[in-house]
Amino acid sequence: MSMIGNSNGKVYAPGYFLLHDEDCDRETRNIPASMGVDGKDGKYVPMGTVYPAVGASATGIVYEDVDVTNGASAGSVVTRGTVIKSRIPLSVEQLTASTLTALGNKGFKFVDADPSVTRPYD
């Protein structure tokens, strides 16, 4: 279940951290309540959270906020795609060297900033 808002007052569209939302793979995973943080309406796992944990065991990134107020819940996890690191709404410190390597081995690519848009001259 996606959430409309979160405790820090910022609202992001699902997959905001992806360069191309259409060019990625997503799979349903069981998101444990232990990954959750407290929000104003309960407990949730924020979009952009490394799944299942930061480090060498990382296999994906949570696509959209997942409500885990009442326990584990099914959620969408990106398992391949291009990620704009500056758009990860959580702490970029989650993207440790071992996390980047593990996700890179799964088919992720990481770019540092939004690509600039260029237009041809008239």
N, C-alpha and C. Protein backbone atom coordinates (compact mmCIF):
# COMPACT_ATOMS: atom_id res chain seq x y z
N MET A 1 0.84 -1.17 0.00
CA MET A 1 0.00 0.00 0.00
C MET A 1 0.89 1.23 0.00
N SER A 2 0.69 2.13 -0.93
CA SER A 2 1.48 3.35 -0.93
C SER A 2 0.81 4.39 -0.04
N MET A 3 1.61 5.31 0.41
CA MET A 3 1.10 6.36 1.29
C MET A 3 1.19 7.69 0.57
N ILE A 4 0.30 8.60 0.92
CA ILE A 4 0.28 9.88 0.25
C ILE A 4 1.27 10.86 0.87
N GLY A 5 1.47 10.79 2.15
CA GLY A 5 2.40 11.69 2.81
C GLY A 5 3.29 10.91 3.74
N ASN A 6 4.23 11.60 4.34
CA ASN A 6 5.05 10.95 5.34
C ASN A 6 5.41 11.92 6.44
N SER A 7 6.13 11.45 7.43
CA SER A 7 6.35 12.23 8.64
C SER A 7 7.20 13.47 8.43
N ASN A 8 8.01 13.53 7.38
CA ASN A 8 8.85 14.71 7.19
C ASN A 8 8.16 15.78 6.34
N GLY A 9 6.91 15.55 5.98
CA GLY A 9 6.14 16.55 5.25
C GLY A 9 6.41 16.59 3.76
N LYS A 10 7.29 15.74 3.26
CA LYS A 10 7.58 15.72 1.83
C LYS A 10 6.82 14.58 1.19
N VAL A 11 6.35 14.83 -0.01
CA VAL A 11 5.62 13.81 -0.75
C VAL A 11 6.33 13.62 -2.08
N TYR A 12 6.64 12.38 -2.40
CA TYR A 12 7.31 12.05 -3.64
C TYR A 12 6.45 11.09 -4.44
N ALA A 13 6.53 11.21 -5.75
CA ALA A 13 5.84 10.25 -6.61
C ALA A 13 6.58 8.92 -6.52
N PRO A 14 5.87 7.80 -6.61
CA PRO A 14 6.55 6.51 -6.61
C PRO A 14 7.63 6.46 -7.68
N GLY A 15 8.78 5.94 -7.32
CA GLY A 15 9.87 5.82 -8.28
C GLY A 15 10.57 7.11 -8.62
N TYR A 16 10.37 8.15 -7.81
CA TYR A 16 10.97 9.46 -8.05
C TYR A 16 12.48 9.37 -8.27
N PHE A 17 13.13 8.41 -7.65
CA PHE A 17 14.59 8.27 -7.70
C PHE A 17 15.09 7.64 -8.99
N LEU A 18 14.18 7.16 -9.84
CA LEU A 18 14.58 6.48 -11.08
C LEU A 18 14.76 7.47 -12.23
N LEU A 19 15.76 7.22 -13.05
CA LEU A 19 15.97 8.06 -14.24
C LEU A 19 14.81 7.86 -15.22
N HIS A 20 14.45 6.60 -15.46
CA HIS A 20 13.33 6.26 -16.34
C HIS A 20 12.44 5.25 -15.62
N ASP A 21 11.28 5.68 -15.22
CA ASP A 21 10.37 4.80 -14.48
C ASP A 21 9.95 3.60 -15.31
N GLU A 22 9.92 3.75 -16.63
CA GLU A 22 9.48 2.66 -17.49
C GLU A 22 10.59 1.63 -17.72
N ASP A 23 11.84 2.06 -17.58
CA ASP A 23 12.97 1.17 -17.87
C ASP A 23 13.57 0.63 -16.57
N CYS A 24 12.78 -0.17 -15.89
CA CYS A 24 13.24 -0.79 -14.65
C CYS A 24 12.46 -2.09 -14.45
N ASP A 25 12.95 -2.90 -13.55
CA ASP A 25 12.21 -4.10 -13.17
C ASP A 25 11.75 -3.92 -11.74
N ARG A 26 10.50 -4.31 -11.48
CA ARG A 26 9.96 -4.25 -10.12
C ARG A 26 9.36 -5.60 -9.79
N GLU A 27 9.52 -5.99 -8.54
CA GLU A 27 8.97 -7.25 -8.07
C GLU A 27 8.31 -7.02 -6.72
N THR A 28 7.28 -7.80 -6.44
CA THR A 28 6.61 -7.72 -5.15
C THR A 28 7.42 -8.49 -4.12
N ARG A 29 7.65 -7.86 -2.99
CA ARG A 29 8.41 -8.49 -1.91
C ARG A 29 7.63 -8.30 -0.60
N ASN A 30 7.90 -9.16 0.36
CA ASN A 30 7.34 -9.02 1.69
C ASN A 30 8.22 -8.03 2.45
N ILE A 31 7.65 -6.89 2.78
CA ILE A 31 8.40 -5.83 3.46
C ILE A 31 8.16 -5.97 4.97
N PRO A 32 9.19 -6.29 5.75
CA PRO A 32 9.00 -6.50 7.18
C PRO A 32 8.79 -5.19 7.94
N ALA A 33 8.02 -5.27 8.99
CA ALA A 33 7.75 -4.09 9.82
C ALA A 33 9.03 -3.55 10.45
N SER A 34 10.02 -4.40 10.62
CA SER A 34 11.29 -3.96 11.23
C SER A 34 12.01 -2.92 10.38
N MET A 35 11.68 -2.82 9.10
CA MET A 35 12.27 -1.81 8.23
C MET A 35 11.57 -0.47 8.36
N GLY A 36 10.44 -0.42 9.05
CA GLY A 36 9.61 0.77 9.11
C GLY A 36 10.13 1.88 10.01
N VAL A 37 9.64 3.08 9.73
CA VAL A 37 9.87 4.25 10.57
C VAL A 37 8.51 4.79 10.98
N ASP A 38 8.49 5.51 12.08
CA ASP A 38 7.23 6.07 12.56
C ASP A 38 6.84 7.28 11.74
N GLY A 39 5.57 7.33 11.36
CA GLY A 39 5.00 8.46 10.64
C GLY A 39 3.81 9.00 11.40
N LYS A 40 3.20 10.04 10.89
CA LYS A 40 2.06 10.64 11.60
C LYS A 40 0.83 9.74 11.61
N ASP A 41 0.72 8.82 10.63
CA ASP A 41 -0.45 7.95 10.55
C ASP A 41 -0.11 6.48 10.81
N GLY A 42 1.05 6.20 11.37
CA GLY A 42 1.44 4.81 11.62
C GLY A 42 2.90 4.59 11.29
N LYS A 43 3.21 3.40 10.89
CA LYS A 43 4.58 3.02 10.58
C LYS A 43 4.68 2.66 9.10
N TYR A 44 5.74 3.11 8.45
CA TYR A 44 5.88 2.84 7.02
C TYR A 44 7.35 2.68 6.65
N VAL A 45 7.59 2.03 5.53
CA VAL A 45 8.93 1.93 4.95
C VAL A 45 8.96 2.94 3.80
N PRO A 46 9.82 3.95 3.89
CA PRO A 46 9.84 5.00 2.88
C PRO A 46 10.37 4.54 1.53
N MET A 47 9.83 5.14 0.48
CA MET A 47 10.35 4.94 -0.86
C MET A 47 11.84 5.27 -0.86
N GLY A 48 12.63 4.48 -1.57
CA GLY A 48 14.06 4.73 -1.65
C GLY A 48 14.86 3.95 -0.63
N THR A 49 14.19 3.22 0.26
CA THR A 49 14.90 2.41 1.25
C THR A 49 15.55 1.22 0.56
N VAL A 50 16.81 0.97 0.90
CA VAL A 50 17.52 -0.19 0.33
C VAL A 50 16.92 -1.45 0.93
N TYR A 51 16.63 -2.44 0.06
CA TYR A 51 15.98 -3.68 0.49
C TYR A 51 16.90 -4.87 0.29
N PRO A 52 16.98 -5.84 1.15
CA PRO A 52 16.39 -5.91 2.48
C PRO A 52 17.21 -5.17 3.53
N ALA A 53 18.47 -4.83 3.20
CA ALA A 53 19.31 -4.10 4.14
C ALA A 53 20.46 -3.44 3.38
N VAL A 54 21.03 -2.42 3.98
CA VAL A 54 22.20 -1.75 3.42
C VAL A 54 23.37 -2.71 3.48
N GLY A 55 24.20 -2.72 2.45
CA GLY A 55 25.40 -3.55 2.44
C GLY A 55 25.37 -4.58 1.34
N ALA A 56 26.19 -5.60 1.51
CA ALA A 56 26.38 -6.62 0.48
C ALA A 56 25.12 -7.44 0.22
N SER A 57 24.17 -7.44 1.14
CA SER A 57 22.94 -8.23 0.95
C SER A 57 21.85 -7.47 0.20
N ALA A 58 22.11 -6.22 -0.19
CA ALA A 58 21.11 -5.40 -0.89
C ALA A 58 20.72 -6.05 -2.22
N THR A 59 19.41 -6.12 -2.47
CA THR A 59 18.92 -6.68 -3.73
C THR A 59 18.00 -5.72 -4.48
N GLY A 60 17.61 -4.62 -3.86
CA GLY A 60 16.71 -3.70 -4.51
C GLY A 60 16.47 -2.44 -3.70
N ILE A 61 15.56 -1.61 -4.21
CA ILE A 61 15.19 -0.35 -3.58
C ILE A 61 13.67 -0.26 -3.57
N VAL A 62 13.10 0.08 -2.43
CA VAL A 62 11.64 0.17 -2.28
C VAL A 62 11.11 1.26 -3.22
N TYR A 63 10.15 0.90 -4.07
CA TYR A 63 9.62 1.77 -5.12
C TYR A 63 8.71 2.87 -4.58
N GLU A 64 7.87 2.55 -3.61
CA GLU A 64 6.96 3.52 -3.03
C GLU A 64 6.77 3.22 -1.55
N ASP A 65 6.32 4.20 -0.79
CA ASP A 65 6.10 4.00 0.64
C ASP A 65 5.20 2.79 0.87
N VAL A 66 5.55 1.99 1.88
CA VAL A 66 4.78 0.78 2.21
C VAL A 66 4.33 0.88 3.66
N ASP A 67 3.03 0.78 3.89
CA ASP A 67 2.46 0.84 5.23
C ASP A 67 2.71 -0.49 5.95
N VAL A 68 3.43 -0.43 7.06
CA VAL A 68 3.70 -1.64 7.86
C VAL A 68 3.20 -1.44 9.29
N THR A 69 2.19 -0.59 9.46
CA THR A 69 1.62 -0.31 10.77
C THR A 69 1.15 -1.58 11.45
N ASN A 70 0.52 -2.47 10.70
CA ASN A 70 -0.04 -3.70 11.26
C ASN A 70 0.82 -4.92 11.00
N GLY A 71 2.09 -4.73 10.69
CA GLY A 71 3.00 -5.84 10.43
C GLY A 71 3.49 -5.83 8.99
N ALA A 72 4.18 -6.89 8.63
CA ALA A 72 4.75 -7.00 7.28
C ALA A 72 3.66 -6.83 6.22
N SER A 73 4.09 -6.27 5.09
CA SER A 73 3.14 -6.01 4.02
C SER A 73 3.84 -6.20 2.67
N ALA A 74 3.07 -6.55 1.66
CA ALA A 74 3.62 -6.67 0.31
C ALA A 74 3.93 -5.27 -0.22
N GLY A 75 5.04 -5.16 -0.93
CA GLY A 75 5.42 -3.88 -1.51
C GLY A 75 6.22 -4.08 -2.77
N SER A 76 6.30 -3.05 -3.57
CA SER A 76 7.03 -3.08 -4.82
C SER A 76 8.49 -2.68 -4.59
N VAL A 77 9.41 -3.53 -5.09
CA VAL A 77 10.83 -3.29 -4.94
C VAL A 77 11.45 -3.26 -6.33
N VAL A 78 12.20 -2.20 -6.63
CA VAL A 78 12.92 -2.10 -7.90
C VAL A 78 14.11 -3.04 -7.82
N THR A 79 14.25 -3.92 -8.80
CA THR A 79 15.34 -4.88 -8.80
C THR A 79 16.34 -4.64 -9.93
N ARG A 80 16.06 -3.66 -10.78
CA ARG A 80 16.98 -3.25 -11.84
C ARG A 80 16.53 -1.90 -12.35
N GLY A 81 17.48 -0.99 -12.58
CA GLY A 81 17.13 0.31 -13.13
C GLY A 81 18.27 1.30 -12.95
N THR A 82 18.06 2.51 -13.46
CA THR A 82 19.04 3.58 -13.31
C THR A 82 18.54 4.55 -12.25
N VAL A 83 19.36 4.76 -11.22
CA VAL A 83 18.98 5.56 -10.06
C VAL A 83 19.75 6.88 -10.05
N ILE A 84 19.04 7.97 -9.83
CA ILE A 84 19.66 9.27 -9.65
C ILE A 84 19.94 9.42 -8.16
N LYS A 85 21.21 9.34 -7.77
CA LYS A 85 21.56 9.31 -6.35
C LYS A 85 21.04 10.52 -5.59
N SER A 86 21.03 11.69 -6.21
CA SER A 86 20.58 12.90 -5.51
C SER A 86 19.08 12.89 -5.24
N ARG A 87 18.34 11.96 -5.85
CA ARG A 87 16.90 11.88 -5.64
C ARG A 87 16.49 10.83 -4.60
N ILE A 88 17.45 10.11 -4.06
CA ILE A 88 17.10 9.17 -3.00
C ILE A 88 16.61 10.02 -1.83
N PRO A 89 15.33 9.90 -1.46
CA PRO A 89 14.78 10.80 -0.45
C PRO A 89 15.32 10.55 0.96
N LEU A 90 15.95 9.41 1.16
CA LEU A 90 16.55 9.13 2.46
C LEU A 90 18.00 9.57 2.43
N SER A 91 18.71 9.24 3.44
CA SER A 91 20.11 9.59 3.55
C SER A 91 20.92 8.88 2.46
N VAL A 92 21.72 9.63 1.73
CA VAL A 92 22.56 9.06 0.68
C VAL A 92 23.62 8.15 1.31
N GLU A 93 23.86 8.27 2.62
CA GLU A 93 24.81 7.39 3.29
C GLU A 93 24.40 5.93 3.17
N GLN A 94 23.11 5.67 2.87
CA GLN A 94 22.66 4.29 2.66
C GLN A 94 23.38 3.67 1.48
N LEU A 95 23.84 4.50 0.57
CA LEU A 95 24.49 3.99 -0.64
C LEU A 95 25.98 3.82 -0.38
N THR A 96 26.32 2.93 0.53
CA THR A 96 27.71 2.62 0.84
C THR A 96 28.35 1.91 -0.35
N ALA A 97 29.66 1.80 -0.33
CA ALA A 97 30.37 1.13 -1.43
C ALA A 97 29.87 -0.31 -1.60
N SER A 98 29.67 -1.02 -0.49
CA SER A 98 29.21 -2.41 -0.61
C SER A 98 27.77 -2.48 -1.14
N THR A 99 26.94 -1.49 -0.78
CA THR A 99 25.57 -1.45 -1.28
C THR A 99 25.58 -1.16 -2.78
N LEU A 100 26.38 -0.19 -3.21
CA LEU A 100 26.46 0.15 -4.63
C LEU A 100 26.98 -1.04 -5.44
N THR A 101 27.96 -1.75 -4.92
CA THR A 101 28.49 -2.92 -5.61
C THR A 101 27.43 -4.01 -5.72
N ALA A 102 26.76 -4.30 -4.60
CA ALA A 102 25.73 -5.35 -4.60
C ALA A 102 24.61 -5.02 -5.58
N LEU A 103 24.14 -3.78 -5.56
CA LEU A 103 23.06 -3.39 -6.47
C LEU A 103 23.56 -3.32 -7.91
N GLY A 104 24.79 -2.88 -8.11
CA GLY A 104 25.38 -2.86 -9.46
C GLY A 104 25.44 -4.26 -10.06
N ASN A 105 25.74 -5.23 -9.22
CA ASN A 105 25.78 -6.62 -9.68
C ASN A 105 24.39 -7.15 -10.02
N LYS A 106 23.35 -6.50 -9.54
CA LYS A 106 21.96 -6.89 -9.82
C LYS A 106 21.40 -6.17 -11.04
N GLY A 107 22.16 -5.25 -11.64
CA GLY A 107 21.68 -4.55 -12.83
C GLY A 107 21.35 -3.09 -12.62
N PHE A 108 21.70 -2.55 -11.46
CA PHE A 108 21.47 -1.13 -11.21
C PHE A 108 22.62 -0.31 -11.78
N LYS A 109 22.28 0.89 -12.23
CA LYS A 109 23.27 1.90 -12.61
C LYS A 109 22.95 3.13 -11.77
N PHE A 110 23.98 3.86 -11.37
CA PHE A 110 23.79 5.04 -10.55
C PHE A 110 24.40 6.25 -11.25
N VAL A 111 23.64 7.34 -11.29
CA VAL A 111 24.12 8.60 -11.82
C VAL A 111 24.05 9.62 -10.70
N ASP A 112 24.97 10.59 -10.74
CA ASP A 112 25.07 11.54 -9.64
C ASP A 112 24.01 12.63 -9.64
N ALA A 113 23.54 13.05 -10.80
CA ALA A 113 22.60 14.16 -10.86
C ALA A 113 21.65 13.98 -12.03
N ASP A 114 20.59 14.78 -12.03
CA ASP A 114 19.65 14.76 -13.14
C ASP A 114 20.40 15.09 -14.43
N PRO A 115 20.14 14.35 -15.49
CA PRO A 115 20.78 14.68 -16.75
C PRO A 115 20.25 16.02 -17.26
N SER A 116 21.13 16.80 -17.87
CA SER A 116 20.68 18.09 -18.38
C SER A 116 19.90 17.88 -19.68
N VAL A 117 18.92 18.72 -19.88
CA VAL A 117 18.10 18.64 -21.08
C VAL A 117 18.69 19.62 -22.09
N THR A 118 18.98 19.12 -23.27
CA THR A 118 19.51 19.98 -24.33
C THR A 118 18.50 20.05 -25.45
N ARG A 119 18.44 21.15 -26.07
CA ARG A 119 17.50 21.34 -27.18
C ARG A 119 18.30 21.81 -28.41
N PRO A 120 17.94 21.31 -29.58
CA PRO A 120 18.66 21.75 -30.78
C PRO A 120 18.38 23.22 -31.09
N TYR A 121 19.32 23.84 -31.74
CA TYR A 121 19.12 25.23 -32.15
C TYR A 121 18.12 25.30 -33.28
N ASP A 122 17.37 26.40 -33.33
CA ASP A 122 16.41 26.61 -34.44
C ASP A 122 17.11 26.95 -35.71
